[in-house]
Amino acid sequence: MDLSNMSSADLRDLQEQVKRELKQRESQDLAKAREQILAIAQSVGVPLKDLVGGAGGGTRAKTGSVAPRYRNPADPTQLWTGRGRQPKWVKEWVDAGKDIAGLKV
């Protein structure tokens, strides 16, 4: 196929056709891979849910919540565990030059 002789409109049309075909083939490949994985799992007697559970075999324990370590003195209902991004009230406290230890629960 000589692309140099094609018009811009024809090239765009061809590009769209290629995109559609690639999308369709990717979908078919994914379906085929799922069928193969399911067949392998069934042949060795492994439940599919154990495969989907991840590398740990689906045995990973759920983690509990973390106890809060900091409390807003202006509003005692606002708590922070010390993990993740600092809440605005903690950032304002620290930016004011105060020690974060003053917020400890």
N, C-alpha and C. Protein backbone atom coordinates (compact mmCIF):
# COMPACT_ATOMS: atom_id res chain seq x y z
N MET A 1 0.85 -1.17 0.00
CA MET A 1 0.00 0.00 0.00
C MET A 1 0.90 1.24 0.00
N ASP A 2 0.71 2.06 -0.97
CA ASP A 2 1.51 3.28 -1.10
C ASP A 2 0.76 4.44 -0.47
N LEU A 3 1.18 4.85 0.71
CA LEU A 3 0.50 5.92 1.45
C LEU A 3 0.78 7.30 0.86
N SER A 4 1.88 7.44 0.17
CA SER A 4 2.25 8.76 -0.36
C SER A 4 1.28 9.26 -1.42
N ASN A 5 0.55 8.37 -2.07
CA ASN A 5 -0.41 8.78 -3.10
C ASN A 5 -1.81 9.02 -2.55
N MET A 6 -2.00 8.81 -1.25
CA MET A 6 -3.34 8.96 -0.66
C MET A 6 -3.56 10.41 -0.21
N SER A 7 -4.80 10.85 -0.28
CA SER A 7 -5.14 12.19 0.20
C SER A 7 -5.18 12.18 1.73
N SER A 8 -5.17 13.38 2.30
CA SER A 8 -5.24 13.49 3.76
C SER A 8 -6.52 12.88 4.30
N ALA A 9 -7.63 13.09 3.59
CA ALA A 9 -8.91 12.53 4.03
C ALA A 9 -8.87 11.00 4.00
N ASP A 10 -8.27 10.45 2.95
CA ASP A 10 -8.15 8.99 2.86
C ASP A 10 -7.25 8.45 3.97
N LEU A 11 -6.18 9.16 4.28
CA LEU A 11 -5.29 8.74 5.35
C LEU A 11 -5.99 8.76 6.71
N ARG A 12 -6.79 9.81 6.94
CA ARG A 12 -7.54 9.88 8.20
C ARG A 12 -8.55 8.76 8.30
N ASP A 13 -9.21 8.47 7.19
CA ASP A 13 -10.17 7.37 7.16
C ASP A 13 -9.47 6.05 7.45
N LEU A 14 -8.33 5.85 6.85
CA LEU A 14 -7.55 4.64 7.08
C LEU A 14 -7.13 4.55 8.54
N GLN A 15 -6.73 5.68 9.10
CA GLN A 15 -6.33 5.72 10.50
C GLN A 15 -7.47 5.30 11.41
N GLU A 16 -8.68 5.78 11.14
CA GLU A 16 -9.85 5.40 11.93
C GLU A 16 -10.15 3.91 11.79
N GLN A 17 -10.01 3.40 10.57
CA GLN A 17 -10.24 1.97 10.35
C GLN A 17 -9.23 1.13 11.15
N VAL A 18 -7.98 1.58 11.17
CA VAL A 18 -6.95 0.87 11.92
C VAL A 18 -7.26 0.91 13.42
N LYS A 19 -7.68 2.06 13.92
CA LYS A 19 -8.03 2.18 15.34
C LYS A 19 -9.15 1.22 15.70
N ARG A 20 -10.20 1.18 14.86
CA ARG A 20 -11.33 0.28 15.14
C ARG A 20 -10.89 -1.17 15.12
N GLU A 21 -10.08 -1.52 14.14
CA GLU A 21 -9.61 -2.90 14.02
C GLU A 21 -8.74 -3.30 15.21
N LEU A 22 -7.86 -2.40 15.64
CA LEU A 22 -7.01 -2.67 16.79
C LEU A 22 -7.84 -2.86 18.06
N LYS A 23 -8.84 -2.02 18.22
CA LYS A 23 -9.71 -2.12 19.39
C LYS A 23 -10.45 -3.47 19.40
N GLN A 24 -10.94 -3.87 18.24
CA GLN A 24 -11.66 -5.13 18.13
C GLN A 24 -10.72 -6.31 18.42
N ARG A 25 -9.52 -6.26 17.88
CA ARG A 25 -8.57 -7.36 18.10
C ARG A 25 -8.12 -7.43 19.55
N GLU A 26 -7.91 -6.29 20.18
CA GLU A 26 -7.53 -6.28 21.59
C GLU A 26 -8.63 -6.91 22.43
N SER A 27 -9.88 -6.60 22.09
CA SER A 27 -11.01 -7.18 22.80
C SER A 27 -11.06 -8.68 22.61
N GLN A 28 -10.82 -9.14 21.39
CA GLN A 28 -10.80 -10.57 21.11
C GLN A 28 -9.65 -11.26 21.84
N ASP A 29 -8.48 -10.64 21.84
CA ASP A 29 -7.33 -11.21 22.53
C ASP A 29 -7.58 -11.32 24.03
N LEU A 30 -8.20 -10.32 24.59
CA LEU A 30 -8.52 -10.33 26.02
C LEU A 30 -9.51 -11.44 26.34
N ALA A 31 -10.53 -11.60 25.52
CA ALA A 31 -11.51 -12.66 25.73
C ALA A 31 -10.85 -14.03 25.63
N LYS A 32 -9.96 -14.19 24.64
CA LYS A 32 -9.26 -15.46 24.47
C LYS A 32 -8.37 -15.76 25.67
N ALA A 33 -7.68 -14.74 26.18
CA ALA A 33 -6.81 -14.92 27.34
C ALA A 33 -7.63 -15.32 28.56
N ARG A 34 -8.79 -14.70 28.75
CA ARG A 34 -9.66 -15.07 29.87
C ARG A 34 -10.10 -16.52 29.77
N GLU A 35 -10.48 -16.94 28.58
CA GLU A 35 -10.90 -18.33 28.38
C GLU A 35 -9.76 -19.29 28.70
N GLN A 36 -8.56 -18.96 28.26
CA GLN A 36 -7.41 -19.83 28.51
C GLN A 36 -7.09 -19.90 30.01
N ILE A 37 -7.15 -18.77 30.69
CA ILE A 37 -6.89 -18.75 32.13
C ILE A 37 -7.93 -19.57 32.87
N LEU A 38 -9.19 -19.41 32.50
CA LEU A 38 -10.26 -20.18 33.13
C LEU A 38 -10.07 -21.67 32.89
N ALA A 39 -9.69 -22.04 31.66
CA ALA A 39 -9.48 -23.45 31.34
C ALA A 39 -8.32 -24.03 32.15
N ILE A 40 -7.24 -23.28 32.28
CA ILE A 40 -6.10 -23.74 33.07
C ILE A 40 -6.50 -23.90 34.54
N ALA A 41 -7.20 -22.91 35.08
CA ALA A 41 -7.64 -22.97 36.48
C ALA A 41 -8.52 -24.19 36.71
N GLN A 42 -9.45 -24.46 35.79
CA GLN A 42 -10.34 -25.60 35.94
C GLN A 42 -9.57 -26.91 35.82
N SER A 43 -8.58 -26.95 34.95
CA SER A 43 -7.83 -28.20 34.74
C SER A 43 -7.00 -28.59 35.95
N VAL A 44 -6.56 -27.61 36.73
CA VAL A 44 -5.77 -27.93 37.93
C VAL A 44 -6.60 -27.85 39.20
N GLY A 45 -7.86 -27.51 39.06
CA GLY A 45 -8.76 -27.49 40.22
C GLY A 45 -8.62 -26.28 41.12
N VAL A 46 -8.14 -25.18 40.57
CA VAL A 46 -8.00 -23.95 41.35
C VAL A 46 -9.21 -23.08 41.08
N PRO A 47 -9.93 -22.67 42.14
CA PRO A 47 -11.07 -21.76 41.93
C PRO A 47 -10.60 -20.43 41.35
N LEU A 48 -11.37 -19.90 40.44
CA LEU A 48 -11.01 -18.65 39.78
C LEU A 48 -10.87 -17.51 40.78
N LYS A 49 -11.67 -17.52 41.83
CA LYS A 49 -11.58 -16.43 42.82
C LYS A 49 -10.22 -16.41 43.51
N ASP A 50 -9.56 -17.56 43.62
CA ASP A 50 -8.21 -17.59 44.21
C ASP A 50 -7.20 -16.94 43.27
N LEU A 51 -7.40 -17.07 41.97
CA LEU A 51 -6.51 -16.43 41.01
C LEU A 51 -6.71 -14.92 40.98
N VAL A 52 -7.94 -14.51 41.06
CA VAL A 52 -8.26 -13.09 40.97
C VAL A 52 -7.84 -12.36 42.23
N GLY A 53 -7.69 -13.06 43.33
CA GLY A 53 -7.34 -12.45 44.61
C GLY A 53 -5.97 -11.83 44.65
N GLY A 54 -5.12 -12.06 43.67
CA GLY A 54 -3.79 -11.46 43.64
C GLY A 54 -2.72 -12.47 43.95
N ALA A 55 -1.50 -11.98 44.12
CA ALA A 55 -0.35 -12.85 44.32
C ALA A 55 -0.42 -13.60 45.64
N GLY A 56 -1.10 -13.05 46.63
CA GLY A 56 -1.21 -13.70 47.93
C GLY A 56 -2.21 -14.82 47.95
N GLY A 57 -2.82 -15.12 46.82
CA GLY A 57 -3.78 -16.20 46.77
C GLY A 57 -5.10 -15.84 47.42
N GLY A 58 -5.36 -14.58 47.59
CA GLY A 58 -6.63 -14.17 48.18
C GLY A 58 -6.66 -14.31 49.69
N THR A 59 -5.51 -14.53 50.31
CA THR A 59 -5.48 -14.76 51.76
C THR A 59 -5.04 -13.54 52.54
N ARG A 60 -4.87 -12.43 51.86
CA ARG A 60 -4.41 -11.22 52.53
C ARG A 60 -5.48 -10.72 53.51
N ALA A 61 -5.06 -10.47 54.72
CA ALA A 61 -5.99 -10.01 55.75
C ALA A 61 -6.34 -8.55 55.54
N LYS A 62 -7.55 -8.21 55.87
CA LYS A 62 -7.97 -6.81 55.80
C LYS A 62 -7.32 -6.07 56.97
N THR A 63 -6.87 -4.88 56.70
CA THR A 63 -6.27 -4.09 57.76
C THR A 63 -7.34 -3.27 58.45
N GLY A 64 -7.18 -3.06 59.71
CA GLY A 64 -8.13 -2.28 60.47
C GLY A 64 -7.84 -0.81 60.37
N SER A 65 -8.66 -0.02 61.01
CA SER A 65 -8.43 1.42 60.98
C SER A 65 -7.33 1.78 61.97
N VAL A 66 -6.70 2.90 61.74
CA VAL A 66 -5.61 3.37 62.58
C VAL A 66 -6.17 4.38 63.57
N ALA A 67 -5.74 4.27 64.80
CA ALA A 67 -6.20 5.20 65.83
C ALA A 67 -5.67 6.60 65.56
N PRO A 68 -6.50 7.61 65.80
CA PRO A 68 -6.03 8.99 65.59
C PRO A 68 -4.93 9.35 66.59
N ARG A 69 -3.96 10.11 66.12
CA ARG A 69 -2.85 10.53 66.98
C ARG A 69 -2.87 12.03 67.27
N TYR A 70 -3.66 12.78 66.49
CA TYR A 70 -3.70 14.24 66.65
C TYR A 70 -5.14 14.73 66.68
N ARG A 71 -5.38 15.76 67.49
CA ARG A 71 -6.72 16.35 67.61
C ARG A 71 -6.62 17.86 67.50
N ASN A 72 -7.58 18.45 66.79
CA ASN A 72 -7.63 19.89 66.63
C ASN A 72 -8.14 20.51 67.93
N PRO A 73 -7.33 21.35 68.59
CA PRO A 73 -7.78 21.95 69.85
C PRO A 73 -8.96 22.90 69.67
N ALA A 74 -9.10 23.49 68.48
CA ALA A 74 -10.22 24.40 68.23
C ALA A 74 -11.51 23.64 67.95
N ASP A 75 -11.41 22.42 67.44
CA ASP A 75 -12.58 21.60 67.13
C ASP A 75 -12.23 20.14 67.42
N PRO A 76 -12.52 19.66 68.65
CA PRO A 76 -12.13 18.31 69.07
C PRO A 76 -12.70 17.17 68.21
N THR A 77 -13.66 17.47 67.34
CA THR A 77 -14.20 16.43 66.47
C THR A 77 -13.27 16.14 65.30
N GLN A 78 -12.32 17.04 65.03
CA GLN A 78 -11.38 16.85 63.93
C GLN A 78 -10.15 16.10 64.43
N LEU A 79 -9.94 14.92 63.85
CA LEU A 79 -8.84 14.06 64.24
C LEU A 79 -8.00 13.73 63.02
N TRP A 80 -6.74 13.33 63.27
CA TRP A 80 -5.85 12.91 62.19
C TRP A 80 -4.99 11.78 62.70
N THR A 81 -4.80 10.75 61.86
CA THR A 81 -4.02 9.58 62.25
C THR A 81 -2.53 9.81 62.16
N GLY A 82 -2.12 10.85 61.46
CA GLY A 82 -0.70 11.09 61.25
C GLY A 82 -0.23 10.48 59.94
N ARG A 83 -1.14 9.84 59.23
CA ARG A 83 -0.82 9.22 57.94
C ARG A 83 -1.42 10.04 56.81
N GLY A 84 -0.76 10.00 55.68
CA GLY A 84 -1.28 10.71 54.52
C GLY A 84 -1.05 12.20 54.62
N ARG A 85 -1.77 12.92 53.80
CA ARG A 85 -1.61 14.37 53.72
C ARG A 85 -2.15 15.03 54.99
N GLN A 86 -1.44 16.04 55.46
CA GLN A 86 -1.87 16.76 56.66
C GLN A 86 -3.16 17.52 56.39
N PRO A 87 -4.12 17.45 57.32
CA PRO A 87 -5.32 18.28 57.18
C PRO A 87 -4.94 19.76 57.27
N LYS A 88 -5.84 20.59 56.79
CA LYS A 88 -5.59 22.03 56.76
C LYS A 88 -5.28 22.58 58.15
N TRP A 89 -6.03 22.11 59.14
CA TRP A 89 -5.82 22.63 60.50
C TRP A 89 -4.45 22.24 61.06
N VAL A 90 -3.91 21.09 60.68
CA VAL A 90 -2.57 20.70 61.12
C VAL A 90 -1.54 21.57 60.41
N LYS A 91 -1.72 21.75 59.12
CA LYS A 91 -0.78 22.57 58.35
C LYS A 91 -0.75 24.00 58.88
N GLU A 92 -1.91 24.55 59.19
CA GLU A 92 -1.98 25.92 59.74
C GLU A 92 -1.26 25.99 61.09
N TRP A 93 -1.42 24.97 61.91
CA TRP A 93 -0.78 24.89 63.23
C TRP A 93 0.75 24.93 63.07
N VAL A 94 1.26 24.07 62.17
CA VAL A 94 2.71 23.98 61.95
C VAL A 94 3.24 25.24 61.29
N ASP A 95 2.49 25.80 60.33
CA ASP A 95 2.92 27.03 59.66
C ASP A 95 2.97 28.21 60.61
N ALA A 96 2.20 28.15 61.70
CA ALA A 96 2.21 29.21 62.68
C ALA A 96 3.41 29.10 63.62
N GLY A 97 4.27 28.09 63.38
CA GLY A 97 5.48 27.94 64.18
C GLY A 97 5.29 27.10 65.41
N LYS A 98 4.12 26.46 65.54
CA LYS A 98 3.85 25.63 66.72
C LYS A 98 4.30 24.20 66.45
N ASP A 99 4.66 23.51 67.55
CA ASP A 99 5.12 22.13 67.45
C ASP A 99 3.92 21.20 67.31
N ILE A 100 4.03 20.24 66.41
CA ILE A 100 2.93 19.31 66.15
C ILE A 100 2.65 18.45 67.39
N ALA A 101 3.63 18.32 68.27
CA ALA A 101 3.43 17.54 69.49
C ALA A 101 2.31 18.15 70.34
N GLY A 102 2.03 19.41 70.17
CA GLY A 102 0.95 20.06 70.92
C GLY A 102 -0.43 19.58 70.50
N LEU A 103 -0.52 18.85 69.41
CA LEU A 103 -1.80 18.32 68.94
C LEU A 103 -1.99 16.85 69.31
N LYS A 104 -1.00 16.23 69.92
CA LYS A 104 -1.08 14.81 70.26
C LYS A 104 -2.28 14.52 71.13
N VAL A 105 -2.92 13.39 70.84
CA VAL A 105 -4.10 12.96 71.61
C VAL A 105 -3.62 12.38 72.93
